[in-house]
Amino acid sequence: MNHLQLAQFIDHTLLKPEATESDVRALCAQAQELGVFAVCVSPTFVSLAKSILPSEIVLATVCGFPSGKHESSIKAMEAALAVQFGAREVDMVIDVGSALANDWTAIVADITAVRLAIPDAVLKVILETAALSNSQIEQACLAAKEANADFVKTSTGFHPSGGASISAVHIMHQTVGGDLGIKASGGIRDTQFALDLIDAGATRLGLSSSAEVLAGLPK
């Protein structure tokens, strides 16, 4: 795989709470230089990123981020506003506590509320796989599929339990691969790890260290 091919897996991401307007402008400029698939920014920066990015780079954002501990109606409204402001993809965080309690009815309802609010946008569902058992990862993936999400995603990158892992992506791929996209994110900072995640089944990568990861490949 070369630089340009890997770049098309990447959501070039800036979700730090201390991010400034100048940081987002720099992110968008770097995204164009690197040739990434998408840029993912916090909801407050969607309008700004929309005004900067060329149409060929997809604009993504998050909702219920990073804890997932929001009423489903709030997540749905946040997602709908983001799409109204120009986002084409939304990465929502589930209530991880519901997953740990094996309350899959609540998880499906939560995802469905957001799905109905943004019927024409791509919906990715963040599971925080590092906090879940293998069986809970499987069940969370099936809940996302039942709720008509487009992707399942490993992590926010903010949870103390950790980020993406090869084993989690493999489970996700075995459970819903071919039906849903699989986004690996959280702690991906080197080229080989990125390639290993793709080999395990990831179809998208959430990276804040995109330049460093891409630097390991020929152009």
N, C-alpha and C. Protein backbone atom coordinates (compact mmCIF):
# COMPACT_ATOMS: atom_id res chain seq x y z
N MET A 1 0.84 -1.19 0.00
CA MET A 1 0.00 0.00 0.00
C MET A 1 0.88 1.25 0.00
N ASN A 2 0.52 2.25 -0.80
CA ASN A 2 1.31 3.48 -0.84
C ASN A 2 0.62 4.59 -0.04
N HIS A 3 1.28 5.75 -0.01
CA HIS A 3 0.80 6.91 0.73
C HIS A 3 -0.63 7.29 0.34
N LEU A 4 -0.88 7.42 -0.95
CA LEU A 4 -2.19 7.87 -1.41
C LEU A 4 -3.29 6.86 -1.10
N GLN A 5 -2.96 5.59 -1.20
CA GLN A 5 -3.95 4.56 -0.89
C GLN A 5 -4.32 4.56 0.59
N LEU A 6 -3.33 4.66 1.47
CA LEU A 6 -3.63 4.70 2.90
C LEU A 6 -4.36 5.99 3.27
N ALA A 7 -4.01 7.09 2.62
CA ALA A 7 -4.67 8.36 2.92
C ALA A 7 -6.18 8.28 2.74
N GLN A 8 -6.63 7.44 1.81
CA GLN A 8 -8.06 7.32 1.55
C GLN A 8 -8.81 6.50 2.61
N PHE A 9 -8.08 5.98 3.58
CA PHE A 9 -8.72 5.35 4.74
C PHE A 9 -8.89 6.34 5.89
N ILE A 10 -8.31 7.53 5.80
CA ILE A 10 -8.10 8.36 6.98
C ILE A 10 -9.16 9.44 7.17
N ASP A 11 -9.70 9.50 8.40
CA ASP A 11 -10.42 10.67 8.90
C ASP A 11 -9.40 11.47 9.71
N HIS A 12 -8.92 12.55 9.13
CA HIS A 12 -7.90 13.41 9.78
C HIS A 12 -8.61 14.20 10.88
N THR A 13 -8.21 13.97 12.13
CA THR A 13 -9.07 14.30 13.27
C THR A 13 -8.45 15.30 14.23
N LEU A 14 -9.29 16.24 14.68
CA LEU A 14 -8.92 17.17 15.76
C LEU A 14 -10.14 17.35 16.66
N LEU A 15 -10.09 16.72 17.83
CA LEU A 15 -11.22 16.78 18.76
C LEU A 15 -10.79 17.24 20.15
N LYS A 16 -9.58 17.76 20.27
CA LYS A 16 -9.11 18.24 21.57
C LYS A 16 -9.97 19.42 22.03
N PRO A 17 -10.36 19.46 23.29
CA PRO A 17 -11.19 20.56 23.77
C PRO A 17 -10.51 21.92 23.70
N GLU A 18 -9.16 21.92 23.69
CA GLU A 18 -8.44 23.19 23.64
C GLU A 18 -8.16 23.66 22.21
N ALA A 19 -8.68 22.95 21.21
CA ALA A 19 -8.43 23.33 19.81
C ALA A 19 -8.98 24.73 19.52
N THR A 20 -8.25 25.48 18.72
CA THR A 20 -8.63 26.84 18.34
C THR A 20 -8.97 26.90 16.86
N GLU A 21 -9.49 28.04 16.45
CA GLU A 21 -9.81 28.24 15.04
C GLU A 21 -8.57 28.07 14.17
N SER A 22 -7.44 28.59 14.62
CA SER A 22 -6.22 28.46 13.83
C SER A 22 -5.79 27.01 13.73
N ASP A 23 -6.03 26.21 14.77
CA ASP A 23 -5.73 24.78 14.73
C ASP A 23 -6.57 24.08 13.65
N VAL A 24 -7.84 24.44 13.58
CA VAL A 24 -8.73 23.82 12.59
C VAL A 24 -8.34 24.23 11.18
N ARG A 25 -7.95 25.48 11.01
CA ARG A 25 -7.49 25.92 9.68
C ARG A 25 -6.24 25.14 9.27
N ALA A 26 -5.34 24.93 10.22
CA ALA A 26 -4.13 24.16 9.92
C ALA A 26 -4.47 22.70 9.60
N LEU A 27 -5.41 22.13 10.34
CA LEU A 27 -5.85 20.76 10.10
C LEU A 27 -6.40 20.61 8.69
N CYS A 28 -7.24 21.54 8.28
CA CYS A 28 -7.86 21.47 6.96
C CYS A 28 -6.82 21.64 5.85
N ALA A 29 -5.86 22.51 6.07
CA ALA A 29 -4.79 22.70 5.09
C ALA A 29 -3.96 21.43 4.97
N GLN A 30 -3.64 20.82 6.11
CA GLN A 30 -2.85 19.59 6.09
C GLN A 30 -3.63 18.45 5.44
N ALA A 31 -4.93 18.42 5.67
CA ALA A 31 -5.77 17.37 5.06
C ALA A 31 -5.67 17.42 3.55
N GLN A 32 -5.68 18.62 3.00
CA GLN A 32 -5.57 18.77 1.55
C GLN A 32 -4.19 18.35 1.05
N GLU A 33 -3.16 18.68 1.80
CA GLU A 33 -1.80 18.29 1.41
C GLU A 33 -1.63 16.77 1.43
N LEU A 34 -2.23 16.12 2.43
CA LEU A 34 -2.05 14.68 2.60
C LEU A 34 -2.96 13.86 1.71
N GLY A 35 -4.04 14.45 1.24
CA GLY A 35 -4.98 13.72 0.39
C GLY A 35 -5.85 12.74 1.14
N VAL A 36 -6.22 13.07 2.39
CA VAL A 36 -7.04 12.18 3.20
C VAL A 36 -8.48 12.12 2.71
N PHE A 37 -9.19 11.10 3.19
CA PHE A 37 -10.59 10.94 2.80
C PHE A 37 -11.49 11.97 3.47
N ALA A 38 -11.28 12.20 4.76
CA ALA A 38 -12.19 13.04 5.53
C ALA A 38 -11.45 13.83 6.60
N VAL A 39 -12.12 14.87 7.08
CA VAL A 39 -11.68 15.64 8.24
C VAL A 39 -12.76 15.52 9.29
N CYS A 40 -12.37 15.27 10.55
CA CYS A 40 -13.33 15.17 11.64
C CYS A 40 -12.99 16.22 12.70
N VAL A 41 -13.95 17.11 12.97
CA VAL A 41 -13.76 18.19 13.94
C VAL A 41 -14.92 18.22 14.92
N SER A 42 -14.74 18.94 16.00
CA SER A 42 -15.81 19.12 16.98
C SER A 42 -16.98 19.88 16.37
N PRO A 43 -18.19 19.70 16.92
CA PRO A 43 -19.37 20.34 16.33
C PRO A 43 -19.26 21.85 16.17
N THR A 44 -18.60 22.52 17.10
CA THR A 44 -18.50 23.98 17.01
C THR A 44 -17.66 24.45 15.84
N PHE A 45 -16.88 23.54 15.25
CA PHE A 45 -16.00 23.91 14.14
C PHE A 45 -16.51 23.41 12.79
N VAL A 46 -17.69 22.82 12.74
CA VAL A 46 -18.19 22.28 11.47
C VAL A 46 -18.36 23.38 10.42
N SER A 47 -18.97 24.49 10.81
CA SER A 47 -19.19 25.56 9.83
C SER A 47 -17.88 26.11 9.30
N LEU A 48 -16.90 26.29 10.18
CA LEU A 48 -15.60 26.78 9.76
C LEU A 48 -14.94 25.80 8.79
N ALA A 49 -14.91 24.52 9.15
CA ALA A 49 -14.28 23.53 8.28
C ALA A 49 -15.01 23.44 6.94
N LYS A 50 -16.32 23.55 6.96
CA LYS A 50 -17.11 23.53 5.73
C LYS A 50 -16.69 24.67 4.80
N SER A 51 -16.37 25.81 5.37
CA SER A 51 -16.00 26.98 4.55
C SER A 51 -14.60 26.86 3.96
N ILE A 52 -13.81 25.94 4.47
CA ILE A 52 -12.41 25.81 4.05
C ILE A 52 -12.19 24.63 3.11
N LEU A 53 -12.81 23.50 3.44
CA LEU A 53 -12.50 22.25 2.75
C LEU A 53 -13.06 22.19 1.33
N PRO A 54 -12.33 21.62 0.39
CA PRO A 54 -12.89 21.35 -0.93
C PRO A 54 -13.93 20.23 -0.82
N SER A 55 -14.82 20.15 -1.79
CA SER A 55 -15.93 19.21 -1.70
C SER A 55 -15.49 17.76 -1.72
N GLU A 56 -14.29 17.48 -2.28
CA GLU A 56 -13.86 16.08 -2.35
C GLU A 56 -13.41 15.52 -1.01
N ILE A 57 -13.17 16.37 -0.03
CA ILE A 57 -12.84 15.89 1.32
C ILE A 57 -14.11 15.91 2.16
N VAL A 58 -14.47 14.76 2.69
CA VAL A 58 -15.68 14.61 3.47
C VAL A 58 -15.51 15.31 4.82
N LEU A 59 -16.56 15.98 5.28
CA LEU A 59 -16.54 16.64 6.59
C LEU A 59 -17.33 15.81 7.59
N ALA A 60 -16.67 15.43 8.67
CA ALA A 60 -17.29 14.62 9.72
C ALA A 60 -17.20 15.35 11.05
N THR A 61 -18.09 14.95 11.97
CA THR A 61 -18.06 15.49 13.32
C THR A 61 -18.53 14.41 14.29
N VAL A 62 -18.72 14.79 15.55
CA VAL A 62 -19.11 13.84 16.59
C VAL A 62 -20.36 14.33 17.30
N CYS A 63 -21.06 13.41 17.96
CA CYS A 63 -22.15 13.81 18.86
C CYS A 63 -22.16 12.91 20.08
N GLY A 64 -22.65 13.47 21.19
CA GLY A 64 -22.59 12.74 22.47
C GLY A 64 -21.16 12.47 22.88
N PHE A 65 -20.26 13.33 22.50
CA PHE A 65 -18.82 13.08 22.65
C PHE A 65 -18.25 13.83 23.84
N PRO A 66 -17.35 13.24 24.61
CA PRO A 66 -16.82 11.88 24.46
C PRO A 66 -17.46 10.84 25.38
N SER A 67 -18.38 11.25 26.26
CA SER A 67 -18.84 10.31 27.29
C SER A 67 -20.00 9.44 26.84
N GLY A 68 -20.82 9.91 25.91
CA GLY A 68 -22.02 9.18 25.53
C GLY A 68 -23.15 9.31 26.53
N LYS A 69 -22.91 10.02 27.63
CA LYS A 69 -23.91 10.14 28.69
C LYS A 69 -24.82 11.35 28.46
N HIS A 70 -25.50 11.31 27.33
CA HIS A 70 -26.43 12.36 26.95
C HIS A 70 -27.77 11.71 26.61
N GLU A 71 -28.85 12.43 26.84
CA GLU A 71 -30.14 11.93 26.39
C GLU A 71 -30.11 11.70 24.88
N SER A 72 -30.76 10.66 24.43
CA SER A 72 -30.76 10.36 23.00
C SER A 72 -31.31 11.51 22.17
N SER A 73 -32.29 12.21 22.71
CA SER A 73 -32.86 13.35 21.98
C SER A 73 -31.84 14.46 21.79
N ILE A 74 -30.95 14.64 22.75
CA ILE A 74 -29.89 15.64 22.64
C ILE A 74 -28.87 15.21 21.60
N LYS A 75 -28.50 13.93 21.62
CA LYS A 75 -27.59 13.43 20.59
C LYS A 75 -28.20 13.63 19.20
N ALA A 76 -29.47 13.32 19.07
CA ALA A 76 -30.13 13.45 17.78
C ALA A 76 -30.15 14.90 17.30
N MET A 77 -30.45 15.81 18.22
CA MET A 77 -30.47 17.22 17.84
C MET A 77 -29.08 17.71 17.47
N GLU A 78 -28.08 17.30 18.24
CA GLU A 78 -26.71 17.69 17.95
C GLU A 78 -26.28 17.19 16.57
N ALA A 79 -26.64 15.96 16.26
CA ALA A 79 -26.30 15.39 14.96
C ALA A 79 -27.01 16.13 13.84
N ALA A 80 -28.29 16.42 14.02
CA ALA A 80 -29.06 17.10 12.99
C ALA A 80 -28.52 18.50 12.72
N LEU A 81 -28.15 19.21 13.76
CA LEU A 81 -27.57 20.55 13.58
C LEU A 81 -26.24 20.47 12.84
N ALA A 82 -25.43 19.48 13.18
CA ALA A 82 -24.14 19.33 12.52
C ALA A 82 -24.32 19.10 11.02
N VAL A 83 -25.28 18.27 10.66
CA VAL A 83 -25.55 18.01 9.25
C VAL A 83 -26.08 19.27 8.58
N GLN A 84 -26.93 20.00 9.28
CA GLN A 84 -27.45 21.27 8.76
C GLN A 84 -26.30 22.24 8.46
N PHE A 85 -25.28 22.21 9.30
CA PHE A 85 -24.14 23.13 9.14
C PHE A 85 -23.09 22.62 8.14
N GLY A 86 -23.28 21.40 7.64
CA GLY A 86 -22.39 20.94 6.58
C GLY A 86 -21.71 19.61 6.78
N ALA A 87 -21.88 18.97 7.94
CA ALA A 87 -21.26 17.65 8.15
C ALA A 87 -21.96 16.61 7.29
N ARG A 88 -21.16 15.71 6.72
CA ARG A 88 -21.70 14.61 5.93
C ARG A 88 -21.63 13.28 6.67
N GLU A 89 -20.87 13.25 7.75
CA GLU A 89 -20.76 12.05 8.57
C GLU A 89 -20.77 12.46 10.04
N VAL A 90 -21.39 11.63 10.87
CA VAL A 90 -21.45 11.90 12.31
C VAL A 90 -21.05 10.64 13.06
N ASP A 91 -20.09 10.80 13.98
CA ASP A 91 -19.63 9.70 14.84
C ASP A 91 -20.26 9.89 16.22
N MET A 92 -21.21 9.05 16.58
CA MET A 92 -21.90 9.17 17.86
C MET A 92 -21.32 8.20 18.88
N VAL A 93 -21.37 8.60 20.15
CA VAL A 93 -20.90 7.74 21.24
C VAL A 93 -22.11 7.09 21.91
N ILE A 94 -22.06 5.77 22.05
CA ILE A 94 -23.12 5.09 22.79
C ILE A 94 -22.96 5.35 24.29
N ASP A 95 -23.99 5.03 25.05
CA ASP A 95 -23.88 5.02 26.51
C ASP A 95 -23.18 3.72 26.89
N VAL A 96 -21.89 3.82 27.18
CA VAL A 96 -21.09 2.62 27.45
C VAL A 96 -21.63 1.87 28.67
N GLY A 97 -22.18 2.61 29.63
CA GLY A 97 -22.76 1.95 30.79
C GLY A 97 -23.89 1.01 30.42
N SER A 98 -24.69 1.40 29.42
CA SER A 98 -25.76 0.51 28.96
C SER A 98 -25.19 -0.76 28.35
N ALA A 99 -24.07 -0.61 27.62
CA ALA A 99 -23.43 -1.79 27.04
C ALA A 99 -22.87 -2.70 28.13
N LEU A 100 -22.24 -2.11 29.13
CA LEU A 100 -21.69 -2.91 30.23
C LEU A 100 -22.80 -3.62 31.02
N ALA A 101 -23.99 -3.01 31.03
CA ALA A 101 -25.14 -3.63 31.70
C ALA A 101 -25.89 -4.59 30.77
N ASN A 102 -25.37 -4.74 29.54
CA ASN A 102 -26.01 -5.60 28.54
C ASN A 102 -27.45 -5.18 28.24
N ASP A 103 -27.69 -3.89 28.26
CA ASP A 103 -29.01 -3.35 27.92
C ASP A 103 -29.02 -2.97 26.45
N TRP A 104 -29.15 -3.97 25.62
CA TRP A 104 -29.04 -3.74 24.17
C TRP A 104 -30.25 -3.05 23.60
N THR A 105 -31.39 -3.18 24.26
CA THR A 105 -32.59 -2.44 23.84
C THR A 105 -32.34 -0.94 23.93
N ALA A 106 -31.69 -0.51 25.01
CA ALA A 106 -31.37 0.90 25.18
C ALA A 106 -30.35 1.37 24.14
N ILE A 107 -29.38 0.53 23.84
CA ILE A 107 -28.37 0.89 22.84
C ILE A 107 -29.01 1.05 21.47
N VAL A 108 -29.86 0.11 21.09
CA VAL A 108 -30.54 0.21 19.79
C VAL A 108 -31.39 1.47 19.72
N ALA A 109 -32.11 1.78 20.80
CA ALA A 109 -32.97 2.97 20.82
C ALA A 109 -32.14 4.24 20.70
N ASP A 110 -31.00 4.27 21.37
CA ASP A 110 -30.12 5.44 21.34
C ASP A 110 -29.60 5.69 19.92
N ILE A 111 -29.11 4.64 19.28
CA ILE A 111 -28.59 4.78 17.92
C ILE A 111 -29.70 5.12 16.95
N THR A 112 -30.85 4.49 17.12
CA THR A 112 -31.98 4.74 16.22
C THR A 112 -32.42 6.20 16.27
N ALA A 113 -32.40 6.81 17.45
CA ALA A 113 -32.79 8.21 17.56
C ALA A 113 -31.91 9.10 16.70
N VAL A 114 -30.61 8.83 16.71
CA VAL A 114 -29.69 9.62 15.90
C VAL A 114 -29.86 9.28 14.42
N ARG A 115 -30.02 8.00 14.12
CA ARG A 115 -30.22 7.58 12.73
C ARG A 115 -31.42 8.29 12.10
N LEU A 116 -32.52 8.38 12.82
CA LEU A 116 -33.72 9.02 12.30
C LEU A 116 -33.54 10.52 12.10
N ALA A 117 -32.65 11.11 12.91
CA ALA A 117 -32.41 12.55 12.81
C ALA A 117 -31.53 12.92 11.62
N ILE A 118 -30.72 11.96 11.16
CA ILE A 118 -29.81 12.24 10.04
C ILE A 118 -29.90 11.11 9.01
N PRO A 119 -31.06 10.98 8.36
CA PRO A 119 -31.27 9.83 7.47
C PRO A 119 -30.35 9.80 6.25
N ASP A 120 -29.85 10.96 5.85
CA ASP A 120 -29.04 11.02 4.63
C ASP A 120 -27.54 11.15 4.89
N ALA A 121 -27.15 11.17 6.15
CA ALA A 121 -25.72 11.27 6.50
C ALA A 121 -25.19 9.90 6.89
N VAL A 122 -23.88 9.76 6.85
CA VAL A 122 -23.23 8.53 7.32
C VAL A 122 -23.16 8.56 8.83
N LEU A 123 -23.63 7.51 9.47
CA LEU A 123 -23.62 7.42 10.93
C LEU A 123 -22.64 6.35 11.38
N LYS A 124 -21.66 6.78 12.17
CA LYS A 124 -20.69 5.86 12.77
C LYS A 124 -20.97 5.79 14.26
N VAL A 125 -20.88 4.59 14.82
CA VAL A 125 -21.24 4.36 16.22
C VAL A 125 -19.98 3.98 17.00
N ILE A 126 -19.60 4.83 17.95
CA ILE A 126 -18.40 4.61 18.76
C ILE A 126 -18.76 3.73 19.95
N LEU A 127 -18.05 2.60 20.07
CA LEU A 127 -18.39 1.60 21.07
C LEU A 127 -17.53 1.65 22.33
N GLU A 128 -16.37 2.28 22.28
CA GLU A 128 -15.35 2.18 23.35
C GLU A 128 -15.04 0.72 23.63
N THR A 129 -14.52 0.05 22.60
CA THR A 129 -14.29 -1.39 22.68
C THR A 129 -13.34 -1.80 23.79
N ALA A 130 -12.40 -0.94 24.16
CA ALA A 130 -11.44 -1.30 25.20
C ALA A 130 -12.11 -1.47 26.56
N ALA A 131 -13.31 -0.89 26.71
CA ALA A 131 -14.04 -0.99 27.97
C ALA A 131 -15.00 -2.18 27.99
N LEU A 132 -15.14 -2.87 26.86
CA LEU A 132 -16.14 -3.93 26.72
C LEU A 132 -15.47 -5.30 26.63
N SER A 133 -16.23 -6.33 26.99
CA SER A 133 -15.79 -7.71 26.77
C SER A 133 -15.96 -8.05 25.29
N ASN A 134 -15.37 -9.16 24.87
CA ASN A 134 -15.51 -9.57 23.48
C ASN A 134 -16.97 -9.78 23.09
N SER A 135 -17.74 -10.42 23.97
CA SER A 135 -19.15 -10.66 23.65
C SER A 135 -19.92 -9.35 23.61
N GLN A 136 -19.55 -8.39 24.45
CA GLN A 136 -20.23 -7.09 24.42
C GLN A 136 -19.88 -6.30 23.16
N ILE A 137 -18.65 -6.45 22.66
CA ILE A 137 -18.31 -5.84 21.38
C ILE A 137 -19.20 -6.41 20.28
N GLU A 138 -19.35 -7.72 20.27
CA GLU A 138 -20.22 -8.37 19.27
C GLU A 138 -21.65 -7.85 19.37
N GLN A 139 -22.18 -7.80 20.58
CA GLN A 139 -23.57 -7.38 20.76
C GLN A 139 -23.76 -5.90 20.39
N ALA A 140 -22.77 -5.08 20.72
CA ALA A 140 -22.85 -3.66 20.37
C ALA A 140 -22.83 -3.49 18.85
N CYS A 141 -22.02 -4.28 18.17
CA CYS A 141 -22.01 -4.23 16.70
C CYS A 141 -23.36 -4.63 16.13
N LEU A 142 -23.95 -5.68 16.67
CA LEU A 142 -25.26 -6.13 16.19
C LEU A 142 -26.35 -5.09 16.48
N ALA A 143 -26.22 -4.39 17.60
CA ALA A 143 -27.18 -3.32 17.91
C ALA A 143 -27.06 -2.19 16.90
N ALA A 144 -25.83 -1.83 16.55
CA ALA A 144 -25.62 -0.79 15.54
C ALA A 144 -26.20 -1.20 14.20
N LYS A 145 -26.02 -2.45 13.85
CA LYS A 145 -26.58 -2.95 12.60
C LYS A 145 -28.10 -2.91 12.63
N GLU A 146 -28.68 -3.33 13.74
CA GLU A 146 -30.14 -3.33 13.88
C GLU A 146 -30.70 -1.91 13.75
N ALA A 147 -29.95 -0.93 14.23
CA ALA A 147 -30.40 0.46 14.19
C ALA A 147 -30.05 1.16 12.88
N ASN A 148 -29.52 0.40 11.92
CA ASN A 148 -29.23 0.93 10.58
C ASN A 148 -28.10 1.95 10.55
N ALA A 149 -27.13 1.78 11.43
CA ALA A 149 -25.92 2.61 11.34
C ALA A 149 -25.11 2.16 10.13
N ASP A 150 -24.16 3.00 9.74
CA ASP A 150 -23.32 2.70 8.59
C ASP A 150 -21.96 2.11 8.99
N PHE A 151 -21.47 2.50 10.16
CA PHE A 151 -20.16 2.06 10.65
C PHE A 151 -20.26 1.75 12.13
N VAL A 152 -19.37 0.87 12.59
CA VAL A 152 -19.04 0.77 14.01
C VAL A 152 -17.60 1.25 14.16
N LYS A 153 -17.31 1.86 15.30
CA LYS A 153 -16.02 2.50 15.52
C LYS A 153 -15.50 2.09 16.89
N THR A 154 -14.19 1.90 16.99
CA THR A 154 -13.64 1.37 18.23
C THR A 154 -13.75 2.33 19.41
N SER A 155 -13.30 3.58 19.24
CA SER A 155 -12.99 4.39 20.41
C SER A 155 -13.12 5.88 20.16
N THR A 156 -13.29 6.62 21.25
CA THR A 156 -13.22 8.08 21.17
C THR A 156 -11.78 8.57 21.16
N GLY A 157 -10.89 7.77 21.76
CA GLY A 157 -9.53 8.23 21.99
C GLY A 157 -9.37 8.96 23.30
N PHE A 158 -10.46 9.11 24.05
CA PHE A 158 -10.43 9.85 25.32
C PHE A 158 -10.70 8.95 26.52
N HIS A 159 -11.04 7.68 26.31
CA HIS A 159 -11.40 6.81 27.43
C HIS A 159 -10.14 6.23 28.07
N PRO A 160 -10.08 6.17 29.39
CA PRO A 160 -8.86 5.67 30.06
C PRO A 160 -8.57 4.21 29.79
N SER A 161 -9.54 3.45 29.33
CA SER A 161 -9.32 2.03 29.07
C SER A 161 -8.49 1.78 27.81
N GLY A 162 -8.39 2.80 26.96
CA GLY A 162 -7.55 2.67 25.78
C GLY A 162 -8.29 2.91 24.48
N GLY A 163 -7.56 2.71 23.38
CA GLY A 163 -8.10 2.98 22.05
C GLY A 163 -8.27 1.73 21.22
N ALA A 164 -7.91 1.84 19.94
CA ALA A 164 -8.10 0.74 19.01
C ALA A 164 -7.17 -0.43 19.33
N SER A 165 -7.63 -1.62 18.99
CA SER A 165 -6.79 -2.82 19.10
C SER A 165 -7.09 -3.74 17.92
N ILE A 166 -6.10 -4.53 17.57
CA ILE A 166 -6.27 -5.49 16.48
C ILE A 166 -7.39 -6.47 16.83
N SER A 167 -7.40 -6.93 18.06
CA SER A 167 -8.39 -7.94 18.45
C SER A 167 -9.82 -7.40 18.37
N ALA A 168 -10.03 -6.15 18.79
CA ALA A 168 -11.37 -5.57 18.72
C ALA A 168 -11.82 -5.42 17.28
N VAL A 169 -10.94 -4.94 16.42
CA VAL A 169 -11.29 -4.76 15.01
C VAL A 169 -11.61 -6.11 14.38
N HIS A 170 -10.86 -7.12 14.75
CA HIS A 170 -11.11 -8.47 14.22
C HIS A 170 -12.51 -8.95 14.62
N ILE A 171 -12.87 -8.75 15.87
CA ILE A 171 -14.21 -9.14 16.34
C ILE A 171 -15.29 -8.36 15.59
N MET A 172 -15.08 -7.07 15.42
CA MET A 172 -16.05 -6.23 14.71
C MET A 172 -16.21 -6.71 13.27
N HIS A 173 -15.08 -7.03 12.64
CA HIS A 173 -15.13 -7.50 11.26
C HIS A 173 -15.86 -8.83 11.16
N GLN A 174 -15.58 -9.74 12.08
CA GLN A 174 -16.24 -11.04 12.05
C GLN A 174 -17.74 -10.91 12.28
N THR A 175 -18.14 -9.89 13.05
CA THR A 175 -19.55 -9.73 13.43
C THR A 175 -20.36 -9.00 12.36
N VAL A 176 -19.84 -7.89 11.82
CA VAL A 176 -20.63 -7.08 10.88
C VAL A 176 -19.86 -6.70 9.62
N GLY A 177 -18.64 -7.24 9.46
CA GLY A 177 -17.87 -6.91 8.27
C GLY A 177 -18.62 -7.28 7.00
N GLY A 178 -18.60 -6.38 6.03
CA GLY A 178 -19.36 -6.58 4.80
C GLY A 178 -20.73 -5.95 4.86
N ASP A 179 -21.27 -5.77 6.06
CA ASP A 179 -22.56 -5.10 6.25
C ASP A 179 -22.38 -3.66 6.73
N LEU A 180 -21.44 -3.45 7.64
CA LEU A 180 -21.13 -2.13 8.16
C LEU A 180 -19.65 -1.85 7.95
N GLY A 181 -19.32 -0.57 7.78
CA GLY A 181 -17.92 -0.19 7.80
C GLY A 181 -17.36 -0.30 9.21
N ILE A 182 -16.05 -0.39 9.30
CA ILE A 182 -15.39 -0.52 10.60
C ILE A 182 -14.31 0.54 10.70
N LYS A 183 -14.47 1.44 11.68
CA LYS A 183 -13.50 2.51 11.88
C LYS A 183 -12.69 2.24 13.14
N ALA A 184 -11.38 2.19 12.96
CA ALA A 184 -10.47 2.07 14.09
C ALA A 184 -9.94 3.45 14.44
N SER A 185 -9.96 3.78 15.72
CA SER A 185 -9.47 5.09 16.15
C SER A 185 -8.99 4.99 17.59
N GLY A 186 -8.10 5.92 17.95
CA GLY A 186 -7.58 5.95 19.30
C GLY A 186 -6.22 5.30 19.41
N GLY A 187 -5.17 6.11 19.50
CA GLY A 187 -3.83 5.59 19.73
C GLY A 187 -3.12 5.05 18.51
N ILE A 188 -3.57 5.40 17.32
CA ILE A 188 -2.93 4.91 16.09
C ILE A 188 -1.90 5.95 15.66
N ARG A 189 -0.62 5.65 15.91
CA ARG A 189 0.41 6.66 15.70
C ARG A 189 1.57 6.18 14.83
N ASP A 190 1.50 4.93 14.35
CA ASP A 190 2.58 4.48 13.47
C ASP A 190 2.02 3.71 12.29
N THR A 191 2.81 3.64 11.24
CA THR A 191 2.36 3.09 9.97
C THR A 191 1.98 1.62 10.09
N GLN A 192 2.81 0.82 10.74
CA GLN A 192 2.55 -0.61 10.80
C GLN A 192 1.27 -0.93 11.54
N PHE A 193 1.01 -0.22 12.63
CA PHE A 193 -0.23 -0.45 13.37
C PHE A 193 -1.43 -0.12 12.49
N ALA A 194 -1.36 0.96 11.75
CA ALA A 194 -2.44 1.33 10.84
C ALA A 194 -2.68 0.23 9.81
N LEU A 195 -1.62 -0.28 9.22
CA LEU A 195 -1.75 -1.34 8.22
C LEU A 195 -2.28 -2.62 8.84
N ASP A 196 -1.85 -2.93 10.05
CA ASP A 196 -2.34 -4.13 10.74
C ASP A 196 -3.83 -4.03 11.03
N LEU A 197 -4.30 -2.84 11.39
CA LEU A 197 -5.72 -2.64 11.64
C LEU A 197 -6.54 -2.84 10.36
N ILE A 198 -6.02 -2.36 9.26
CA ILE A 198 -6.69 -2.57 7.97
C ILE A 198 -6.73 -4.05 7.63
N ASP A 199 -5.63 -4.75 7.86
CA ASP A 199 -5.58 -6.19 7.62
C ASP A 199 -6.60 -6.93 8.49
N ALA A 200 -6.85 -6.41 9.69
CA ALA A 200 -7.82 -7.04 10.60
C ALA A 200 -9.26 -6.76 10.21
N GLY A 201 -9.47 -5.77 9.34
CA GLY A 201 -10.82 -5.49 8.88
C GLY A 201 -11.26 -4.04 8.89
N ALA A 202 -10.41 -3.14 9.36
CA ALA A 202 -10.79 -1.73 9.39
C ALA A 202 -10.94 -1.18 7.98
N THR A 203 -12.00 -0.43 7.77
CA THR A 203 -12.23 0.22 6.48
C THR A 203 -12.04 1.74 6.56
N ARG A 204 -11.85 2.23 7.77
CA ARG A 204 -11.55 3.65 7.98
C ARG A 204 -10.68 3.76 9.23
N LEU A 205 -9.84 4.79 9.26
CA LEU A 205 -8.97 5.04 10.41
C LEU A 205 -9.17 6.47 10.88
N GLY A 206 -9.37 6.64 12.18
CA GLY A 206 -9.41 7.97 12.77
C GLY A 206 -8.05 8.32 13.32
N LEU A 207 -7.40 9.32 12.72
CA LEU A 207 -6.02 9.66 13.10
C LEU A 207 -5.86 11.14 13.38
N SER A 208 -5.14 11.45 14.44
CA SER A 208 -4.67 12.82 14.64
C SER A 208 -3.22 12.94 14.23
N SER A 209 -2.55 11.80 14.07
CA SER A 209 -1.15 11.76 13.66
C SER A 209 -1.03 11.29 12.21
N SER A 210 -1.88 11.80 11.35
CA SER A 210 -1.94 11.32 9.97
C SER A 210 -0.62 11.48 9.23
N ALA A 211 0.02 12.63 9.39
CA ALA A 211 1.27 12.89 8.66
C ALA A 211 2.34 11.89 9.06
N GLU A 212 2.44 11.60 10.35
CA GLU A 212 3.45 10.68 10.83
C GLU A 212 3.17 9.26 10.33
N VAL A 213 1.92 8.85 10.34
CA VAL A 213 1.56 7.51 9.86
C VAL A 213 1.83 7.38 8.37
N LEU A 214 1.46 8.39 7.60
CA LEU A 214 1.66 8.35 6.15
C LEU A 214 3.12 8.46 5.75
N ALA A 215 3.93 9.06 6.60
CA ALA A 215 5.34 9.23 6.28
C ALA A 215 6.08 7.90 6.15
N GLY A 216 5.51 6.84 6.67
CA GLY A 216 6.13 5.54 6.60
C GLY A 216 5.91 4.80 5.29
N LEU A 217 5.21 5.44 4.35
CA LEU A 217 4.91 4.79 3.07
C LEU A 217 5.42 5.60 1.89
N PRO A 218 5.74 4.93 0.78
CA PRO A 218 6.15 5.68 -0.42
C PRO A 218 4.97 6.40 -1.05
N LYS A 219 5.25 7.52 -1.68
CA LYS A 219 4.19 8.26 -2.36
C LYS A 219 3.96 7.68 -3.75
